[in-house]
Amino acid sequence: MSAARKPTCAIPIFRSLEEFPAGFGPTVASIGNFDGVHCGHRAIVAGAVDEARASGLKALVVTFDPHPEVLLRPADAPKLIAPLEVRLQLLATTGADAVLVLPFNEKLAHMQPRDFARNVLRDKLAVRSLHEGHNFRFGYRAGAGVRELAEFGNEFGWSVHVHSFVRIRGLEVSSTAVRDLIAAGDVRRARWMLGRCFTLYSTQKRDRGIGSKLLVPTVNLAGIDGLLPATGVYVTRLKIAGRPFRAITNVGNRPTFGEPSFSIESHILNFEPVEIDESTPLELEFLLRLREEKQWPSAEALKQQILKDVARAQQYFRLANRDGSRPTPA
């Protein structure tokens, strides 16, 4: 997450099986990558939480770090929607009693499905019930799915509840669908699936001469390791150490001014001087894509377009004050 804020979680977070306490269970568990903790993920975890409450068991979420594809197929590993610490904060709001982060290493990657079921789910986590999506896979080379999980449950003593895809406004929710929308710049529909705004977490770019106060209304984000939206101009909300500002953000190479140089540059619309240094956490929420980035014939032409972009952004925020279906601006 670069040097951005690492959110604190209100529930226990165990970072390995060795940390997981004996006697924590029995548990109702849900296992997955939970990238983005989108509406589909939340529905699955809600099922586990509801069952745990009704049966007097503990609701446990199990996730992995890094994403398994980073180890198994690094060239094809997806860019993450949200960094681990943000995912943990989001999972902490689901009502689960704890989250277990399993380090995805060679040992875990080569564990046979039966060994995972017996040694991890039964012996270590004391699982009594599991809630999973229909496409859940586990074990060496993802060799087992929900059918095998249920078969192991017959032997080791748990039930399996398989959840269908969640649909939002006719769209089937999945991490892949969310990534595709964000990569295409459709942050509005991605917000429907996520149940919140797509957000980048970073700090101020270090080559901007930062002092103890931000005295100009422009902020450049430092490098981002995860998923980025398509290049273009967006209506955004920028939080500086949690303090929200309305903004308009250009993601791209700024081709009008000489040699292209990629940046994520936000212009604050309701600017006030604010304390900031190179470690100040920044959160940039993407609300709406206004247009593609393009090369303008002159600086004056670009200036005129920026004025139009700002006017559209200001209109968006004015309408948002009266329309509960849009994110409320700062």
Protein backbone atom coordinates (compact mmCIF):
# COMPACT_ATOMS: atom_id res chain seq x y z
CA MET A 1 0.00 0.00 0.00
CA SER A 2 3.04 2.24 -0.46
CA ALA A 3 3.36 4.33 2.68
CA ALA A 4 -0.36 4.91 2.90
CA ARG A 5 -2.35 4.41 6.04
CA LYS A 6 -2.76 0.82 7.20
CA PRO A 7 -6.26 0.65 8.61
CA THR A 8 -6.77 -0.88 11.99
CA CYS A 9 -9.29 -3.70 12.31
CA ALA A 10 -11.70 -4.20 15.17
CA ILE A 11 -11.54 -8.01 15.03
CA PRO A 12 -8.61 -10.40 15.44
CA ILE A 13 -6.42 -10.82 12.36
CA PHE A 14 -4.26 -13.96 12.38
CA ARG A 15 -1.40 -13.90 9.89
CA SER A 16 -0.62 -17.62 9.76
CA LEU A 17 -1.87 -20.99 10.95
CA GLU A 18 0.75 -20.82 13.70
CA GLU A 19 -0.89 -17.65 15.01
CA PHE A 20 -4.38 -19.14 14.94
CA PRO A 21 -5.25 -19.99 18.55
CA ALA A 22 -6.18 -23.50 19.61
CA GLY A 23 -9.74 -23.61 20.86
CA PHE A 24 -10.93 -20.64 18.80
CA GLY A 25 -13.59 -22.71 17.05
CA PRO A 26 -15.71 -24.52 16.16
CA THR A 27 -16.13 -22.28 13.14
CA VAL A 28 -18.34 -21.46 10.21
CA ALA A 29 -15.83 -20.43 7.56
CA SER A 30 -15.63 -18.77 4.17
CA ILE A 31 -12.42 -19.07 2.14
CA GLY A 32 -11.31 -16.96 -0.80
CA ASN A 33 -9.11 -14.19 -2.15
CA PHE A 34 -11.85 -11.59 -1.55
CA ASP A 35 -10.14 -9.08 -3.81
CA GLY A 36 -12.11 -5.87 -3.46
CA VAL A 37 -14.56 -7.43 -0.97
CA HIS A 38 -17.32 -6.71 -3.47
CA CYS A 39 -21.05 -7.28 -3.01
CA GLY A 40 -20.76 -10.94 -3.99
CA HIS A 41 -18.09 -11.56 -1.40
CA ARG A 42 -20.10 -9.80 1.25
CA ALA A 43 -23.15 -11.94 0.50
CA ILE A 44 -21.12 -15.14 0.96
CA VAL A 45 -19.57 -13.96 4.21
CA ALA A 46 -22.99 -12.78 5.43
CA GLY A 47 -24.24 -16.32 4.98
CA ALA A 48 -21.43 -17.64 7.16
CA VAL A 49 -22.01 -14.96 9.80
CA ASP A 50 -25.76 -15.60 9.93
CA GLU A 51 -25.24 -19.34 10.36
CA ALA A 52 -22.58 -18.81 13.03
CA ARG A 53 -24.87 -16.53 15.02
CA ALA A 54 -27.77 -18.97 14.78
CA SER A 55 -25.66 -21.96 15.84
CA GLY A 56 -23.44 -20.34 18.48
CA LEU A 57 -20.25 -20.89 16.44
CA LYS A 58 -17.50 -18.47 15.36
CA ALA A 59 -17.60 -16.89 11.91
CA LEU A 60 -14.17 -17.06 10.29
CA VAL A 61 -12.96 -15.57 7.00
CA VAL A 62 -9.87 -17.17 5.46
CA THR A 63 -7.94 -15.31 2.76
CA PHE A 64 -4.51 -15.46 1.12
CA ASP A 65 -1.50 -13.20 0.73
CA PRO A 66 -0.21 -12.82 -1.87
CA HIS A 67 -2.88 -13.67 -4.41
CA PRO A 68 -2.16 -17.29 -5.47
CA GLU A 69 -1.62 -16.26 -9.10
CA VAL A 70 1.40 -14.18 -8.04
CA LEU A 71 3.19 -17.42 -7.18
CA LEU A 72 1.57 -19.80 -9.67
CA ARG A 73 1.38 -17.63 -12.80
CA PRO A 74 3.15 -14.34 -12.08
CA ALA A 75 2.91 -13.09 -15.66
CA ASP A 76 -0.89 -13.44 -15.53
CA ALA A 77 -1.47 -12.40 -11.92
CA PRO A 78 -4.29 -9.84 -11.68
CA LYS A 79 -3.72 -6.33 -10.46
CA LEU A 80 -5.47 -6.13 -7.10
CA ILE A 81 -8.57 -4.01 -6.63
CA ALA A 82 -7.61 -3.26 -3.02
CA PRO A 83 -4.41 -3.85 -1.02
CA LEU A 84 -4.43 -6.45 1.74
CA GLU A 85 -4.80 -4.07 4.67
CA VAL A 86 -7.83 -2.43 3.07
CA ARG A 87 -9.36 -5.83 2.36
CA LEU A 88 -8.89 -6.74 6.01
CA GLN A 89 -10.58 -3.54 7.12
CA LEU A 90 -13.51 -4.26 4.81
CA LEU A 91 -13.78 -7.86 5.99
CA ALA A 92 -13.80 -6.60 9.57
CA THR A 93 -17.09 -4.81 8.81
CA THR A 94 -18.90 -8.01 7.75
CA GLY A 95 -19.68 -9.24 11.25
CA ALA A 96 -17.10 -12.04 11.12
CA ASP A 97 -15.37 -12.90 14.39
CA ALA A 98 -11.87 -13.14 12.91
CA VAL A 99 -9.87 -13.20 9.68
CA LEU A 100 -7.08 -15.66 8.99
CA VAL A 101 -4.51 -14.65 6.37
CA LEU A 102 -2.74 -17.71 4.97
CA PRO A 103 0.65 -16.91 3.41
CA PHE A 104 0.43 -18.41 -0.07
CA ASN A 105 3.80 -20.10 -0.44
CA GLU A 106 5.20 -23.19 -2.13
CA LYS A 107 4.10 -25.42 0.76
CA LEU A 108 0.49 -24.30 0.54
CA ALA A 109 0.53 -24.32 -3.27
CA HIS A 110 1.57 -27.99 -3.29
CA MET A 111 -0.83 -29.15 -0.58
CA GLN A 112 -3.22 -31.80 -1.83
CA PRO A 113 -6.95 -31.04 -1.43
CA ARG A 114 -7.46 -33.84 1.08
CA ASP A 115 -4.53 -32.67 3.20
CA PHE A 116 -5.89 -29.13 3.21
CA ALA A 117 -9.32 -30.40 4.21
CA ARG A 118 -8.05 -32.65 7.00
CA ASN A 119 -5.02 -30.79 8.34
CA VAL A 120 -6.21 -27.20 7.97
CA LEU A 121 -10.02 -27.15 7.92
CA ARG A 122 -10.71 -29.98 10.34
CA ASP A 123 -7.70 -30.15 12.65
CA LYS A 124 -6.65 -26.49 12.85
CA LEU A 125 -9.79 -24.45 12.18
CA ALA A 126 -12.40 -26.86 13.58
CA VAL A 127 -14.72 -26.12 10.66
CA ARG A 128 -18.34 -27.22 11.02
CA SER A 129 -19.74 -25.42 7.99
CA LEU A 130 -18.41 -23.65 4.89
CA HIS A 131 -19.91 -20.95 2.68
CA GLU A 132 -18.37 -20.62 -0.79
CA GLY A 133 -19.08 -19.35 -4.27
CA HIS A 134 -19.92 -21.97 -6.86
CA ASN A 135 -16.53 -21.49 -8.59
CA PHE A 136 -14.41 -21.99 -5.44
CA ARG A 137 -11.28 -24.10 -6.03
CA PHE A 138 -8.61 -25.33 -3.62
CA GLY A 139 -5.64 -27.65 -3.27
CA TYR A 140 -2.70 -28.43 -5.54
CA ARG A 141 -3.30 -27.02 -9.03
CA ALA A 142 -6.80 -26.00 -7.87
CA GLY A 143 -7.65 -29.68 -8.14
CA ALA A 144 -10.83 -29.62 -6.05
CA GLY A 145 -14.01 -27.58 -5.96
CA VAL A 146 -17.23 -27.37 -4.00
CA ARG A 147 -18.24 -30.94 -4.89
CA GLU A 148 -15.03 -32.33 -3.40
CA LEU A 149 -15.37 -29.96 -0.46
CA ALA A 150 -18.78 -31.47 0.30
CA GLU A 151 -17.39 -34.99 -0.05
CA PHE A 152 -14.64 -34.19 2.45
CA GLY A 153 -17.32 -32.68 4.68
CA ASN A 154 -19.15 -36.00 4.78
CA GLU A 155 -15.95 -37.56 6.07
CA PHE A 156 -14.61 -34.81 8.31
CA GLY A 157 -17.84 -33.37 9.67
CA TRP A 158 -18.92 -30.16 7.96
CA SER A 159 -21.68 -28.96 5.66
CA VAL A 160 -21.14 -26.87 2.52
CA HIS A 161 -23.36 -24.00 1.37
CA VAL A 162 -22.78 -22.95 -2.25
CA HIS A 163 -23.73 -19.39 -3.19
CA SER A 164 -24.76 -18.28 -6.67
CA PHE A 165 -23.47 -15.13 -8.33
CA VAL A 166 -24.92 -11.90 -7.00
CA ARG A 167 -26.45 -9.65 -9.67
CA ILE A 168 -26.51 -5.87 -9.33
CA ARG A 169 -28.63 -3.91 -11.82
CA GLY A 170 -28.49 -6.89 -14.14
CA LEU A 171 -24.71 -7.26 -13.86
CA GLU A 172 -23.10 -10.45 -12.56
CA VAL A 173 -20.69 -9.46 -9.79
CA SER A 174 -17.17 -10.90 -9.75
CA SER A 175 -13.66 -9.63 -9.12
CA THR A 176 -12.87 -10.11 -12.82
CA ALA A 177 -15.89 -8.04 -13.83
CA VAL A 178 -14.92 -5.28 -11.40
CA ARG A 179 -11.36 -5.22 -12.73
CA ASP A 180 -12.58 -5.08 -16.32
CA LEU A 181 -14.88 -2.16 -15.58
CA ILE A 182 -12.18 -0.21 -13.76
CA ALA A 183 -9.62 -0.91 -16.47
CA ALA A 184 -12.15 0.45 -18.99
CA GLY A 185 -12.74 3.57 -16.88
CA ASP A 186 -16.32 2.63 -15.96
CA VAL A 187 -15.93 3.48 -12.30
CA ARG A 188 -19.67 4.13 -11.96
CA ARG A 189 -20.70 0.53 -12.66
CA ALA A 190 -17.68 -0.74 -10.73
CA ARG A 191 -19.06 1.18 -7.75
CA TRP A 192 -22.35 -0.71 -8.07
CA MET A 193 -20.51 -4.02 -7.82
CA LEU A 194 -18.15 -2.96 -5.05
CA GLY A 195 -20.84 -1.26 -2.99
CA ARG A 196 -18.47 1.69 -2.61
CA CYS A 197 -16.14 3.83 -4.72
CA PHE A 198 -13.04 2.35 -6.30
CA THR A 199 -10.20 3.94 -4.33
CA LEU A 200 -6.45 4.34 -4.70
CA TYR A 201 -4.34 4.47 -1.53
CA SER A 202 -1.01 6.26 -1.69
CA THR A 203 1.02 9.27 -0.59
CA GLN A 204 2.09 12.51 -2.25
CA LYS A 205 4.70 12.12 -4.99
CA ARG A 206 8.05 12.92 -3.44
CA ASP A 207 9.49 15.10 -6.19
CA ARG A 208 6.97 17.90 -5.76
CA GLY A 209 8.76 19.94 -3.11
CA ILE A 210 6.40 19.11 -0.29
CA GLY A 211 6.50 21.28 2.78
CA SER A 212 4.56 21.14 6.00
CA LYS A 213 1.49 22.62 4.28
CA LEU A 214 -0.10 22.03 0.91
CA LEU A 215 -0.43 25.57 -0.42
CA VAL A 216 -1.52 24.80 -3.99
CA PRO A 217 -4.64 22.85 -5.01
CA THR A 218 -2.79 20.12 -6.93
CA VAL A 219 -1.76 16.73 -5.57
CA ASN A 220 0.20 14.04 -7.41
CA LEU A 221 -0.02 10.48 -6.13
CA ALA A 222 3.08 8.37 -5.70
CA GLY A 223 3.35 5.09 -7.60
CA ILE A 224 0.54 2.53 -7.25
CA ASP A 225 1.22 -1.21 -7.29
CA GLY A 226 -2.38 -2.33 -7.81
CA LEU A 227 -5.11 -1.82 -10.36
CA LEU A 228 -5.41 1.57 -12.09
CA PRO A 229 -8.39 3.00 -13.93
CA ALA A 230 -8.17 3.74 -17.65
CA THR A 231 -6.41 6.93 -18.59
CA GLY A 232 -8.72 9.90 -18.63
CA VAL A 233 -10.27 12.65 -16.55
CA TYR A 234 -12.44 11.76 -13.55
CA VAL A 235 -14.61 13.37 -10.92
CA THR A 236 -13.02 12.26 -7.65
CA ARG A 237 -12.92 12.75 -3.92
CA LEU A 238 -9.46 13.11 -2.38
CA LYS A 239 -8.99 12.41 1.31
CA ILE A 240 -5.86 13.87 2.86
CA ALA A 241 -5.27 12.17 6.22
CA GLY A 242 -9.01 11.44 6.23
CA ARG A 243 -10.04 15.02 5.41
CA PRO A 244 -12.20 14.97 2.24
CA PHE A 245 -11.93 17.35 -0.71
CA ARG A 246 -13.83 17.49 -3.99
CA ALA A 247 -11.46 17.04 -6.91
CA ILE A 248 -10.98 16.41 -10.58
CA THR A 249 -8.24 13.94 -11.48
CA ASN A 250 -6.24 13.25 -14.62
CA VAL A 251 -4.87 9.72 -14.97
CA GLY A 252 -2.43 9.56 -17.84
CA ASN A 253 0.63 10.84 -19.63
CA ARG A 254 -0.12 14.57 -20.06
CA PRO A 255 0.72 14.45 -23.79
CA THR A 256 0.09 18.15 -24.42
CA PHE A 257 3.25 19.16 -22.57
CA GLY A 258 6.28 17.61 -24.27
CA GLU A 259 7.54 14.15 -23.41
CA PRO A 260 4.75 11.94 -22.00
CA SER A 261 5.08 11.33 -18.26
CA PHE A 262 2.51 9.18 -16.45
CA SER A 263 0.90 10.73 -13.41
CA ILE A 264 -2.23 10.66 -11.28
CA GLU A 265 -2.81 14.35 -10.69
CA SER A 266 -5.75 15.75 -8.72
CA HIS A 267 -6.92 19.34 -8.72
CA ILE A 268 -8.85 20.17 -5.55
CA LEU A 269 -12.02 22.15 -6.21
CA ASN A 270 -12.83 23.27 -2.65
CA PHE A 271 -9.20 23.87 -1.72
CA GLU A 272 -7.97 24.97 1.70
CA PRO A 273 -4.35 24.77 2.88
CA VAL A 274 -3.80 21.48 4.67
CA GLU A 275 -0.94 19.83 6.54
CA ILE A 276 0.85 17.26 4.37
CA ASP A 277 4.22 15.59 4.05
CA GLU A 278 5.61 12.61 2.16
CA SER A 279 4.06 10.14 4.64
CA THR A 280 0.56 11.67 4.78
CA PRO A 281 -1.99 9.04 3.69
CA LEU A 282 -4.04 9.88 0.62
CA GLU A 283 -7.21 8.13 -0.53
CA LEU A 284 -8.50 8.95 -4.00
CA GLU A 285 -12.09 7.85 -4.67
CA PHE A 286 -13.20 7.67 -8.32
CA LEU A 287 -16.79 8.82 -8.85
CA LEU A 288 -17.28 9.36 -12.60
CA ARG A 289 -15.17 9.35 -15.76
CA LEU A 290 -15.66 12.57 -17.73
CA ARG A 291 -13.60 11.89 -20.84
CA GLU A 292 -10.55 10.24 -22.37
CA GLU A 293 -7.15 11.87 -22.17
CA LYS A 294 -6.07 13.47 -25.45
CA GLN A 295 -3.37 15.71 -26.83
CA TRP A 296 -4.57 19.26 -27.32
CA PRO A 297 -3.16 21.61 -30.00
CA SER A 298 -2.13 24.23 -27.43
CA ALA A 299 -1.96 25.00 -23.76
CA GLU A 300 -4.85 27.44 -24.23
CA ALA A 301 -7.06 24.73 -25.74
CA LEU A 302 -6.26 22.47 -22.82
CA LYS A 303 -7.06 25.27 -20.38
CA GLN A 304 -10.49 25.76 -21.97
CA GLN A 305 -11.21 22.03 -21.74
CA ILE A 306 -10.14 21.95 -18.10
CA LEU A 307 -12.63 24.75 -17.35
CA LYS A 308 -15.36 22.62 -18.96
CA ASP A 309 -14.24 19.57 -16.94
CA VAL A 310 -14.34 21.56 -13.72
CA ALA A 311 -17.82 22.87 -14.52
CA ARG A 312 -19.09 19.32 -15.12
CA ALA A 313 -17.49 18.14 -11.88
CA GLN A 314 -19.05 20.97 -9.92
CA GLN A 315 -22.43 20.09 -11.44
CA TYR A 316 -21.94 16.46 -10.43
CA PHE A 317 -21.32 17.46 -6.82
CA ARG A 318 -24.29 19.84 -6.80
CA LEU A 319 -26.58 17.08 -8.07
CA ALA A 320 -25.07 14.60 -5.65
CA ASN A 321 -26.25 16.75 -2.75
CA ARG A 322 -29.82 16.14 -3.89
CA ASP A 323 -29.52 12.58 -5.23
CA GLY A 324 -28.97 9.82 -2.68
CA SER A 325 -28.03 7.34 -5.45
CA ARG A 326 -24.73 9.13 -5.92
CA PRO A 327 -21.87 9.32 -3.41
CA THR A 328 -22.34 12.33 -1.17
CA PRO A 329 -19.53 14.83 -1.80
CA ALA A 330 -17.44 16.40 0.89
